[in-house]
Protein backbone atom coordinates (compact mmCIF):
# COMPACT_ATOMS: atom_id res chain seq x y z
CA MET A 1 19.73 8.41 26.90
CA SER A 2 22.40 5.93 27.99
CA SER A 3 25.97 6.11 26.66
CA LEU A 4 25.45 2.66 25.12
CA LEU A 5 22.41 3.83 23.17
CA ARG A 6 24.28 6.94 22.03
CA LEU A 7 27.02 4.65 20.71
CA HIS A 8 24.43 2.62 18.83
CA ASN A 9 23.04 5.75 17.22
CA THR A 10 26.51 6.78 15.99
CA LEU A 11 27.31 3.46 14.32
CA PRO A 12 26.20 4.46 10.80
CA SER A 13 28.60 7.40 10.82
CA ILE A 14 31.36 5.21 12.22
CA ALA A 15 30.77 2.81 9.34
CA ARG A 16 31.68 5.51 6.83
CA GLY A 17 35.27 5.36 7.99
CA VAL A 18 37.82 2.56 8.10
CA ILE A 19 37.04 0.17 10.92
CA ARG A 20 39.88 -1.89 12.31
CA ALA A 21 37.82 -3.73 14.90
CA ALA A 22 34.08 -4.01 14.77
CA PRO A 23 32.27 -2.51 17.78
CA VAL A 24 30.10 -4.95 19.66
CA LEU A 25 26.95 -4.06 21.52
CA THR A 26 25.16 -6.50 23.78
CA SER A 27 22.24 -4.69 25.32
CA ARG A 28 18.52 -4.80 25.95
CA THR A 29 18.35 -1.01 26.08
CA ARG A 30 14.93 0.51 25.39
CA LEU A 31 14.34 4.02 24.13
CA ASN A 32 11.11 4.16 26.11
CA ASN A 33 8.06 2.09 26.88
CA ASP A 34 5.69 3.64 24.36
CA VAL A 35 3.44 1.57 22.10
CA HIS A 36 5.59 2.27 19.05
CA GLY A 37 8.27 -0.07 20.26
CA PRO A 38 11.80 0.41 21.53
CA LEU A 39 14.92 0.67 19.45
CA HIS A 40 16.14 -2.89 19.79
CA VAL A 41 19.77 -3.83 20.08
CA SER A 42 19.73 -7.61 20.14
CA LYS A 43 21.53 -9.64 22.74
CA ALA A 44 23.46 -11.13 19.82
CA THR A 45 26.51 -9.37 18.41
CA TYR A 46 25.82 -6.24 16.38
CA SER A 47 28.84 -5.25 14.34
CA ILE A 48 29.95 -3.18 11.38
CA HIS A 49 32.19 -4.63 8.68
CA GLY A 50 33.38 -2.28 5.97
CA ASN A 51 33.53 -4.84 3.16
CA ILE A 52 31.66 -7.83 4.51
CA ALA A 53 29.59 -8.29 1.37
CA GLY A 54 32.53 -8.43 -0.99
CA VAL A 55 31.65 -5.00 -2.35
CA SER A 56 33.43 -1.70 -1.98
CA ASP A 57 30.87 -0.19 0.34
CA PRO A 58 32.19 0.97 3.73
CA ASN A 59 28.60 1.36 4.96
CA TRP A 60 27.66 -2.34 4.66
CA THR A 61 26.32 -3.44 8.01
CA SER A 62 26.16 -6.88 9.55
CA MET A 63 22.62 -7.24 10.89
CA ILE A 64 23.08 -10.71 12.38
CA GLY A 65 21.05 -11.14 15.55
CA ARG A 66 19.07 -7.90 15.27
CA HIS A 67 15.29 -7.69 15.46
CA PHE A 68 13.12 -6.32 12.65
CA LEU A 69 10.15 -4.75 14.41
CA THR A 70 9.96 -1.34 12.76
CA LEU A 71 11.91 0.53 10.11
CA ARG A 72 12.38 3.25 12.69
CA ASP A 73 15.23 1.09 13.99
CA TYR A 74 17.04 1.05 10.62
CA ASP A 75 18.91 4.02 9.17
CA ASP A 76 18.96 5.03 5.53
CA HIS A 77 22.01 2.91 4.68
CA GLU A 78 20.48 -0.16 6.29
CA VAL A 79 17.12 0.24 4.54
CA LYS A 80 18.92 0.53 1.20
CA GLN A 81 21.06 -2.48 2.08
CA LEU A 82 17.94 -4.58 2.70
CA LEU A 83 16.49 -3.44 -0.63
CA TRP A 84 19.76 -4.23 -2.40
CA THR A 85 19.77 -7.69 -0.82
CA ALA A 86 16.18 -8.26 -1.97
CA ALA A 87 17.05 -7.17 -5.50
CA ASP A 88 20.12 -9.43 -5.48
CA LEU A 89 18.10 -12.46 -4.38
CA LYS A 90 15.39 -11.79 -6.95
CA THR A 91 17.91 -11.53 -9.78
CA ARG A 92 19.92 -14.57 -8.77
CA ILE A 93 17.05 -16.93 -7.91
CA LEU A 94 14.13 -15.76 -10.06
CA THR A 95 15.88 -14.33 -13.12
CA ASN A 96 19.04 -16.44 -13.28
CA GLY A 97 17.64 -19.64 -11.75
CA GLU A 98 20.46 -19.93 -9.25
CA VAL A 99 20.06 -22.41 -6.39
CA TYR A 100 21.17 -20.36 -3.42
CA GLN A 101 20.57 -21.92 0.00
CA PRO A 102 22.59 -20.18 2.72
CA LEU A 103 20.01 -21.05 5.40
CA VAL A 104 20.34 -24.84 5.28
CA ASN A 105 19.76 -26.26 8.78
CA LYS A 106 18.07 -23.03 9.90
CA SER A 107 14.49 -23.05 11.25
CA ALA A 108 11.93 -20.27 11.38
CA GLY A 109 8.78 -20.09 13.47
CA LEU A 110 5.89 -18.27 11.78
CA ILE A 111 3.33 -17.20 14.39
CA PHE A 112 0.04 -15.93 12.94
CA GLU A 113 -2.56 -14.50 15.30
CA LYS A 114 -4.04 -12.81 12.21
CA ARG A 115 -4.59 -14.72 8.98
CA SER A 116 -2.77 -13.66 5.83
CA THR A 117 -2.24 -14.83 2.26
CA ARG A 118 0.82 -12.85 1.21
CA THR A 119 2.71 -12.80 4.50
CA ARG A 120 2.37 -16.54 5.02
CA ILE A 121 3.16 -17.64 1.47
CA SER A 122 6.02 -15.19 1.01
CA SER A 123 7.71 -16.04 4.32
CA GLU A 124 7.15 -19.80 4.14
CA THR A 125 8.24 -20.26 0.52
CA GLY A 126 10.97 -17.66 0.86
CA PHE A 127 12.62 -19.32 3.84
CA SER A 128 12.40 -22.64 2.01
CA LEU A 129 14.03 -21.18 -1.13
CA LEU A 130 16.96 -20.14 1.05
CA GLY A 131 17.33 -23.73 2.26
CA GLY A 132 15.67 -23.40 5.66
CA HIS A 133 12.62 -24.97 7.28
CA ALA A 134 9.62 -22.86 8.28
CA CYS A 135 7.15 -23.99 10.95
CA PHE A 136 3.71 -22.37 10.67
CA LEU A 137 1.92 -21.75 13.98
CA THR A 138 -1.65 -20.47 14.30
CA GLN A 139 -3.65 -19.57 17.40
CA ASP A 140 -4.69 -23.22 17.54
CA ASP A 141 -1.02 -24.19 17.90
CA ILE A 142 0.33 -21.46 20.13
CA HIS A 143 -1.51 -19.02 22.40
CA LEU A 144 0.73 -16.08 23.14
CA GLY A 145 0.38 -15.21 26.81
CA VAL A 146 -2.47 -17.70 27.43
CA ASN A 147 -1.17 -21.14 28.36
CA GLU A 148 2.19 -19.72 29.40
CA SER A 149 3.67 -16.26 29.73
CA LEU A 150 5.09 -14.50 26.70
CA TYR A 151 8.43 -14.46 28.50
CA ASP A 152 8.41 -18.25 28.82
CA THR A 153 7.23 -18.74 25.23
CA ALA A 154 10.06 -16.56 23.95
CA ASN A 155 12.61 -18.63 25.81
CA VAL A 156 11.09 -21.92 24.63
CA LEU A 157 11.06 -20.80 20.99
CA SER A 158 14.69 -19.77 21.34
CA GLN A 159 15.60 -23.38 22.13
CA PHE A 160 14.22 -24.71 18.84
CA LEU A 161 14.31 -21.92 16.28
CA ASP A 162 16.77 -19.51 14.71
CA VAL A 163 14.27 -16.74 13.97
CA VAL A 164 10.58 -15.98 14.60
CA LEU A 165 8.21 -14.00 12.40
CA ALA A 166 5.09 -13.00 14.33
CA ARG A 167 1.88 -11.45 13.00
CA VAL A 168 0.12 -10.13 16.08
CA TYR A 169 -2.64 -7.92 17.38
CA LYS A 170 -0.43 -6.07 19.87
CA HIS A 171 2.96 -4.60 19.03
CA SER A 172 3.87 -4.90 22.69
CA ASP A 173 3.85 -8.69 22.27
CA LEU A 174 6.64 -8.34 19.71
CA ASP A 175 8.59 -6.20 22.15
CA THR A 176 8.24 -8.86 24.84
CA LEU A 177 9.31 -11.67 22.50
CA ALA A 178 12.32 -9.60 21.47
CA GLU A 179 13.26 -8.69 25.02
CA ALA A 180 12.85 -12.16 26.51
CA GLY A 181 14.21 -14.45 23.80
CA SER A 182 17.66 -14.85 22.31
CA ILE A 183 16.78 -15.05 18.60
CA PRO A 184 15.74 -12.37 16.08
CA ILE A 185 12.06 -11.41 15.98
CA VAL A 186 10.52 -10.20 12.71
CA ASN A 187 7.33 -8.14 12.66
CA GLY A 188 4.91 -9.81 10.26
CA LEU A 189 2.32 -7.15 11.16
CA SER A 190 1.16 -5.38 14.29
CA GLU A 191 -1.44 -2.71 14.92
CA ILE A 192 1.29 -0.04 14.71
CA TYR A 193 3.66 -1.18 11.95
CA HIS A 194 3.93 -3.47 8.92
CA PRO A 195 7.57 -2.95 7.84
CA LEU A 196 7.77 -5.95 5.49
CA GLN A 197 5.02 -4.46 3.32
CA SER A 198 6.84 -1.14 3.07
CA LEU A 199 10.05 -2.81 1.94
CA ALA A 200 8.11 -4.56 -0.84
CA ASP A 201 6.48 -1.27 -1.83
CA PHE A 202 9.82 0.50 -2.16
CA GLN A 203 11.40 -2.40 -4.04
CA THR A 204 8.48 -2.23 -6.49
CA LEU A 205 8.84 1.52 -6.95
CA GLN A 206 12.61 1.28 -7.40
CA GLU A 207 12.13 -1.34 -10.11
CA HIS A 208 9.43 0.72 -11.83
CA TYR A 209 11.06 4.16 -11.76
CA GLY A 210 14.73 3.18 -11.68
CA SER A 211 15.30 5.24 -8.51
CA LEU A 212 13.38 6.48 -5.49
CA SER A 213 14.78 9.86 -4.51
CA GLY A 214 12.48 12.70 -5.44
CA LEU A 215 9.31 10.63 -5.83
CA THR A 216 6.09 11.79 -4.17
CA VAL A 217 3.84 9.14 -2.64
CA ALA A 218 0.19 9.99 -1.96
CA TRP A 219 -1.56 7.97 0.72
CA VAL A 220 -5.35 8.00 0.69
CA GLY A 221 -7.06 6.11 3.50
CA ASP A 222 -6.77 5.17 7.15
CA GLY A 223 -3.86 6.31 9.31
CA ASN A 224 -2.87 2.71 9.91
CA ASN A 225 0.14 0.42 10.20
CA ILE A 226 0.89 0.53 6.45
CA ILE A 227 1.27 4.29 6.22
CA HIS A 228 3.14 4.29 9.55
CA SER A 229 5.77 1.98 8.06
CA LEU A 230 5.96 3.97 4.82
CA MET A 231 6.56 7.05 6.97
CA MET A 232 9.46 5.37 8.77
CA ALA A 233 11.27 4.65 5.50
CA ALA A 234 10.24 7.24 2.91
CA PRO A 235 12.34 10.18 4.17
CA LYS A 236 15.41 7.92 4.41
CA LEU A 237 14.98 7.11 0.71
CA GLY A 238 14.40 10.70 -0.37
CA VAL A 239 10.67 10.16 -0.92
CA HIS A 240 8.09 12.88 -0.22
CA LEU A 241 4.73 12.03 1.39
CA LYS A 242 1.24 13.47 0.95
CA ILE A 243 -1.18 11.87 3.41
CA ALA A 244 -4.97 12.16 3.17
CA THR A 245 -7.04 10.72 6.02
CA PRO A 246 -10.56 11.49 7.26
CA LYS A 247 -10.84 13.58 10.40
CA GLY A 248 -10.50 11.29 13.39
CA TYR A 249 -8.50 8.70 11.43
CA GLU A 250 -5.18 10.51 11.19
CA VAL A 251 -1.83 8.82 11.61
CA ASP A 252 -0.47 8.32 15.11
CA PRO A 253 0.91 11.59 16.56
CA GLN A 254 4.19 10.03 17.70
CA VAL A 255 4.75 8.44 14.30
CA MET A 256 4.09 11.82 12.68
CA LYS A 257 6.56 13.50 15.01
CA ASP A 258 9.22 10.91 14.20
CA THR A 259 8.52 11.31 10.48
CA GLN A 260 8.79 15.08 10.58
CA GLU A 261 12.18 14.75 12.28
CA LEU A 262 13.31 12.27 9.62
CA ALA A 263 12.04 14.53 6.84
CA LYS A 264 13.95 17.48 8.24
CA LYS A 265 17.11 15.38 8.50
CA HIS A 266 16.85 13.98 4.96
CA GLY A 267 15.42 17.03 3.21
CA THR A 268 12.01 15.63 2.26
CA GLU A 269 8.48 16.92 2.73
CA VAL A 270 5.50 15.49 4.63
CA TYR A 271 2.10 17.01 3.85
CA THR A 272 -1.21 16.09 5.47
CA THR A 273 -4.75 16.82 4.35
CA ASN A 274 -8.32 15.56 4.64
CA ASP A 275 -8.85 15.86 0.88
CA PRO A 276 -7.94 12.79 -1.26
CA LYS A 277 -7.76 14.88 -4.44
CA ASP A 278 -5.38 17.30 -2.77
CA ALA A 279 -3.07 14.42 -1.83
CA CYS A 280 -3.16 12.86 -5.32
CA SER A 281 -2.39 16.13 -7.08
CA LYS A 282 0.99 15.81 -8.87
CA ALA A 283 1.89 12.64 -6.94
CA ASN A 284 3.93 9.92 -8.65
CA VAL A 285 2.43 7.12 -6.59
CA ILE A 286 -1.11 6.67 -5.29
CA VAL A 287 -1.47 4.19 -2.44
CA THR A 288 -4.40 2.94 -0.40
CA ASP A 289 -5.27 0.04 1.87
CA THR A 290 -8.26 -1.42 3.67
CA TRP A 291 -10.35 0.94 5.77
CA ILE A 292 -11.30 -1.85 8.15
CA SER A 293 -8.41 -3.84 9.56
CA MET A 294 -8.80 -7.19 11.29
CA GLY A 295 -10.17 -6.56 14.76
CA GLN A 296 -12.13 -3.48 13.61
CA GLU A 297 -15.10 -5.33 12.12
CA GLU A 298 -17.50 -3.85 14.67
CA GLU A 299 -16.57 -0.39 13.38
CA ALA A 300 -17.33 -1.26 9.74
CA LYS A 301 -20.48 0.84 9.24
CA GLN A 302 -18.99 3.79 11.08
CA ARG A 303 -15.77 3.64 9.10
CA ILE A 304 -17.40 3.28 5.69
CA LYS A 305 -19.44 6.40 6.45
CA ALA A 306 -16.38 8.30 7.68
CA PHE A 307 -14.42 7.38 4.53
CA GLU A 308 -17.08 8.61 2.13
CA GLY A 309 -15.29 10.31 -0.79
CA TYR A 310 -12.09 8.29 -0.27
CA ARG A 311 -12.80 5.64 -2.91
CA LEU A 312 -10.05 5.97 -5.51
CA THR A 313 -10.94 6.19 -9.21
CA MET A 314 -9.29 7.29 -12.44
CA LYS A 315 -10.43 10.83 -11.62
CA HIS A 316 -7.87 10.86 -8.81
CA ALA A 317 -5.21 9.47 -11.14
CA GLU A 318 -5.89 12.25 -13.63
CA LEU A 319 -4.70 14.73 -10.99
CA ALA A 320 -1.42 12.87 -10.44
CA ALA A 321 1.92 13.25 -12.22
CA LYS A 322 2.13 12.00 -15.81
CA ASP A 323 4.15 8.95 -14.72
CA TRP A 324 1.77 7.95 -11.92
CA CYS A 325 1.31 4.39 -10.69
CA PHE A 326 -0.97 2.69 -8.18
CA LEU A 327 -0.19 0.44 -5.20
CA HIS A 328 -2.39 -1.57 -2.85
CA CYS A 329 -1.03 -4.10 -0.35
CA LEU A 330 -4.12 -6.34 -0.73
CA PRO A 331 -6.63 -7.73 -0.12
CA ARG A 332 -8.74 -5.15 -1.96
CA HIS A 333 -12.31 -4.26 -1.09
CA GLN A 334 -14.73 -2.60 -3.49
CA GLU A 335 -15.20 0.49 -1.35
CA GLU A 336 -11.48 1.40 -1.44
CA VAL A 337 -10.74 1.55 -5.18
CA ASP A 338 -12.77 0.90 -8.32
CA GLU A 339 -11.92 -1.87 -10.78
CA GLU A 340 -10.86 0.44 -13.59
CA LEU A 341 -8.01 1.87 -11.51
CA PHE A 342 -7.14 -1.35 -9.71
CA TYR A 343 -6.76 -3.39 -12.92
CA CYS A 344 -5.30 -0.70 -15.18
CA ASP A 345 -1.84 -0.98 -16.70
CA ARG A 346 -0.52 1.60 -14.21
CA SER A 347 -1.42 -0.67 -11.29
CA LEU A 348 1.62 -2.47 -9.85
CA VAL A 349 -0.26 -4.55 -7.29
CA TRP A 350 0.87 -7.97 -8.56
CA GLN A 351 4.53 -6.95 -8.81
CA GLU A 352 4.13 -5.46 -5.34
CA ALA A 353 2.74 -8.75 -4.02
CA ASN A 354 5.55 -10.72 -5.65
CA ASN A 355 8.16 -8.54 -3.98
CA ARG A 356 6.82 -9.50 -0.56
CA ARG A 357 8.81 -12.72 -0.96
CA TRP A 358 12.14 -11.16 -1.93
CA THR A 359 12.02 -8.56 0.81
CA VAL A 360 11.15 -10.99 3.60
CA MET A 361 13.90 -13.27 2.30
CA ALA A 362 16.30 -10.34 2.51
CA VAL A 363 15.28 -9.72 6.13
CA PHE A 364 15.57 -13.37 7.18
CA LEU A 365 18.94 -13.73 5.48
CA SER A 366 20.35 -10.47 6.85
CA LEU A 367 19.43 -11.37 10.44
CA LEU A 368 20.97 -14.85 10.19
CA ARG A 369 23.90 -14.68 7.77
CA ASP A 370 26.31 -12.17 6.26
CA HIS A 371 25.18 -12.14 2.63
CA LYS A 372 27.47 -11.46 -0.31
CA VAL A 373 25.69 -9.59 -3.08
CA THR A 374 26.77 -10.35 -6.65
CA THR A 375 24.57 -7.84 -8.50
CA PRO A 376 25.18 -4.09 -8.83
CA ALA A 377 23.55 -1.81 -6.29
CA PRO A 378 20.18 -0.42 -7.35
CA LYS A 379 19.96 3.34 -7.78
CA PHE A 380 18.12 4.90 -4.89
């Protein structure tokens, strides 16, 4: 590991002290070339400011110019800061009706190789609420790596835009965009991670329970990008994980290794099983997602057979903790969860969907401006 990367990894502890001059890192250092993505230190300035938000929090970090590709790259203080920012924006804009537009004259490119309802609407309306202009680009508008190289596309986009959100088939394309361009890249979804969804999930749970530390989240379903992102954040928030997947559909081994290291560091537990009922037992939160992601349509029959017994019902909820709730990132399919559970009063799916906007707004804002929160910090 380079001395520069070691310095980057010590920044959160440095931030706990009094900083006279903010350290600056300008690097394109990669941890490695694996499919899970490097730890990105943007070519833009990365600095720590003890009281930049106008609050007495020596751990407040300036994220201007950084990329948001995976929550693996963000420590516990930074994840909480993003959630605080999201809560602040929601209170000020939605609850109080404040017109707050710090991103006037800023432009975002929204690249969608995969269609989406929530990611598109949340990012497009969210960037607009903050005063910026979002430009939506489909595969008919831009062909990543087809008409021109990804390297060239990244440099072209950097001439016109201030930030890019990309929803792609290959996480490596996000890495290339981040490496080649000079503006922040936000992961709108890849085959490995979906960090924006996980932020919305944790904002929803914090609102519902009043705090996150000590909660147990049960995942029942495919070892996919959603659970991978939950795994990258849960230990940092004091949340335990119980993961049930069919044999052959387990979470990625490297993601599991990273999660186990995080759990050891933060004093949380990660439990895996092939039994959905085992995972749901005494859990506070029951979560599932589609069994067949976009690009896996040819595997549909095989997957539905493999996931037999994984359809969630109230019988699973009866095994959970007394204060249980249900999450699903949507869209829902009949084979994943029955209507009684999905539409019950313990289901937080609409609140969860709504929070997609506030969390993506928090990410956009944090990567482009130093935000001043005016609401008290949520309890984590």
